[in-house]
Protein backbone atom coordinates (compact mmCIF):
# COMPACT_ATOMS: atom_id res chain seq x y z
CA MET A 1 0.18 -0.17 0.10
CA ARG A 2 2.79 2.54 0.61
CA THR A 3 4.35 2.24 -3.33
CA PRO A 4 1.62 4.42 -4.73
CA PHE A 5 2.52 7.32 -2.57
CA PRO A 6 6.25 7.62 -3.42
CA LEU A 7 4.96 7.15 -7.40
CA LEU A 8 2.37 9.62 -6.86
CA GLY A 9 4.85 11.85 -5.38
CA ALA A 10 7.56 11.40 -8.39
CA ILE A 11 4.60 12.21 -10.78
CA LEU A 12 3.87 15.57 -9.03
CA LEU A 13 7.25 16.51 -9.11
CA ALA A 14 7.73 15.82 -12.66
CA VAL A 15 4.56 17.93 -13.21
CA LEU A 16 5.49 20.81 -11.21
CA GLY A 17 9.06 20.66 -13.17
CA VAL A 18 7.62 20.72 -16.39
CA PHE A 19 5.03 23.71 -14.97
CA ALA A 20 8.24 25.57 -13.50
CA GLN A 21 10.11 25.10 -16.99
CA GLN A 22 7.15 26.73 -19.08
CA GLN A 23 6.92 29.67 -16.83
CA ASN A 24 10.67 30.50 -16.73
CA PRO A 25 11.79 29.84 -20.55
CA ALA A 26 15.56 30.00 -20.77
CA PRO A 27 16.59 33.57 -21.90
CA GLU A 28 17.09 33.88 -25.26
CA LYS A 29 20.29 35.54 -26.92
CA PRO A 30 20.11 39.19 -27.63
CA LYS A 31 20.47 39.69 -31.54
CA GLU A 32 23.48 41.16 -32.74
CA ALA A 33 23.10 45.01 -33.05
CA PRO A 34 23.74 46.52 -36.33
CA PRO A 35 26.85 48.60 -36.43
CA GLU A 36 26.38 52.28 -35.47
CA SER A 37 28.07 53.30 -38.58
CA GLU A 38 24.79 52.27 -40.68
CA PRO A 39 22.12 54.61 -40.56
CA ALA A 40 18.53 53.32 -39.76
CA LYS A 41 16.63 53.18 -42.51
CA PRO A 42 13.09 54.66 -41.92
CA ALA A 43 10.21 52.51 -43.02
CA GLN A 44 6.99 54.49 -44.66
CA THR A 45 7.87 57.55 -42.64
CA ASP A 46 6.47 60.03 -44.66
CA GLU A 47 3.35 58.26 -45.90
CA ARG A 48 2.06 57.07 -42.55
CA LYS A 49 -0.66 59.31 -40.81
CA ASN A 50 -1.67 58.96 -37.28
CA PRO A 51 -4.52 56.27 -37.41
CA VAL A 52 -5.56 56.94 -33.85
CA LYS A 53 -7.96 59.63 -33.33
CA PRO A 54 -7.00 62.24 -30.58
CA THR A 55 -10.00 61.42 -28.17
CA PRO A 56 -10.05 62.74 -24.77
CA GLU A 57 -9.44 59.08 -23.53
CA VAL A 58 -6.39 58.45 -25.70
CA LEU A 59 -4.89 62.04 -25.05
CA ALA A 60 -5.50 60.61 -21.19
CA MET A 61 -3.72 57.70 -21.51
CA ALA A 62 -1.07 59.32 -23.41
CA LYS A 63 -0.34 61.92 -21.11
CA LYS A 64 -0.27 59.18 -18.33
CA THR A 65 2.45 57.62 -20.24
CA PHE A 66 4.33 60.78 -21.43
CA GLY A 67 4.48 61.40 -17.37
CA TYR A 68 5.73 58.20 -16.70
CA ASP A 69 8.24 57.90 -19.44
CA CYS A 70 9.21 61.23 -21.29
CA ALA A 71 8.48 64.29 -18.81
CA MET A 72 11.54 63.62 -16.88
CA CYS A 73 13.63 64.80 -20.11
CA HIS A 74 10.85 66.91 -22.23
CA GLY A 75 9.25 68.62 -19.33
CA GLU A 76 5.58 68.03 -18.28
CA LEU A 77 4.51 70.60 -20.98
CA GLY A 78 6.50 69.40 -23.68
CA ASP A 79 9.14 72.55 -23.24
CA GLY A 80 12.32 70.66 -23.13
CA LYS A 81 13.10 71.51 -19.55
CA GLY A 82 12.73 68.32 -17.85
CA ASP A 83 14.77 67.31 -14.82
CA LEU A 84 17.24 65.44 -16.47
CA VAL A 85 18.01 67.70 -19.21
CA ALA A 86 20.93 69.49 -17.35
CA SER A 87 22.32 66.51 -15.91
CA MET A 88 22.33 64.62 -19.05
CA ASP A 89 23.66 67.88 -20.85
CA LEU A 90 20.62 67.71 -23.37
CA LYS A 91 19.08 70.21 -25.90
CA LEU A 92 15.77 69.32 -26.38
CA LYS A 93 13.03 71.38 -28.42
CA ASP A 94 10.38 72.92 -27.00
CA TRP A 95 7.24 71.10 -28.47
CA ARG A 96 4.72 74.30 -27.49
CA ASP A 97 6.52 75.99 -30.72
CA PRO A 98 4.71 74.58 -33.63
CA ALA A 99 7.74 75.27 -36.00
CA SER A 100 9.59 72.52 -33.52
CA LEU A 101 7.42 69.73 -35.00
CA ALA A 102 6.30 71.08 -38.50
CA GLY A 103 9.25 69.29 -40.22
CA LEU A 104 8.26 65.95 -38.51
CA SER A 105 5.64 63.62 -40.01
CA ASP A 106 3.30 61.62 -37.90
CA GLY A 107 5.23 58.70 -38.77
CA GLU A 108 8.23 59.87 -38.19
CA LEU A 109 7.35 60.84 -34.66
CA PHE A 110 6.16 57.30 -34.21
CA ASP A 111 9.57 56.06 -35.21
CA VAL A 112 11.71 57.99 -32.78
CA ILE A 113 8.86 57.35 -29.82
CA SER A 114 9.19 53.56 -30.85
CA LYS A 115 13.02 53.36 -31.50
CA GLY A 116 14.62 55.97 -29.46
CA LYS A 117 16.93 58.68 -30.93
CA GLY A 118 20.42 59.75 -29.49
CA LYS A 119 20.29 59.13 -25.80
CA MET A 120 16.45 58.42 -25.54
CA PRO A 121 15.69 55.07 -25.44
CA GLY A 122 12.46 54.05 -27.31
CA GLU A 123 9.16 52.56 -26.23
CA GLY A 124 9.93 49.36 -28.22
CA GLU A 125 7.83 46.56 -27.62
CA ARG A 126 6.78 48.29 -24.05
CA ALA A 127 3.99 50.00 -25.69
CA ALA A 128 1.48 48.98 -28.04
CA PRO A 129 1.46 50.79 -31.56
CA GLU A 130 -1.83 52.32 -30.51
CA ARG A 131 -0.45 53.67 -27.48
CA VAL A 132 2.62 55.13 -29.47
CA TRP A 133 0.12 56.97 -32.03
CA GLY A 134 -1.38 58.32 -28.76
CA LEU A 135 1.41 59.88 -27.78
CA VAL A 136 2.05 60.96 -31.11
CA ALA A 137 -1.13 62.76 -30.77
CA TYR A 138 -0.32 64.00 -27.31
CA VAL A 139 3.04 65.60 -28.43
CA ARG A 140 1.51 67.45 -31.20
CA SER A 141 -1.25 68.69 -28.82
CA PHE A 142 1.40 70.76 -26.65
CA ALA A 143 1.57 73.16 -29.90
CA LYS A 144 -1.83 73.44 -30.43
CA LYS A 145 -2.57 74.34 -26.74
CA ASP A 146 -0.40 77.34 -27.34
CA ALA A 147 -2.02 78.24 -30.37
CA GLU A 148 -5.38 78.23 -28.90
CA LYS A 149 -4.86 80.80 -26.38
CA PRO A 150 -5.59 84.35 -27.40
CA ALA A 151 -2.79 86.89 -27.58
CA GLU A 152 -2.28 88.94 -24.52
CA PRO A 153 -2.95 92.53 -24.80
CA LYS A 154 -0.09 94.69 -25.32
CA SER A 155 0.27 97.42 -22.51
């Protein structure tokens, strides 16, 4: 009567081992990065338009993401005066100025946010494309907010 218990214990240990292996797969080897001397080839940059409508919900989610991931350098208001700018010796554009983004298409902004640029890390696979497109709309909204303000009367 005692032989079924060790057999059941061995089966249980085998099942737990298989389950644990499925939960913690062996780490993949990092893919070899291309040499830095090769320029990145933009894919469809100028042709892509933002497919995500800048609804209040989309902009609220983008604002939250921006606050976590971007504001430390780009500033809460998109002015390029975040907390890390001085310590990292960065010179960032003031996105409240419509001219600062005028030369960038939605696709180019998407690529910069996704892949990064210079010292800026990209969102990569951390953010779904819809969330990145929301960030594109949010970044563009900085200039629109200032454009909508009435001109101050001159004294």
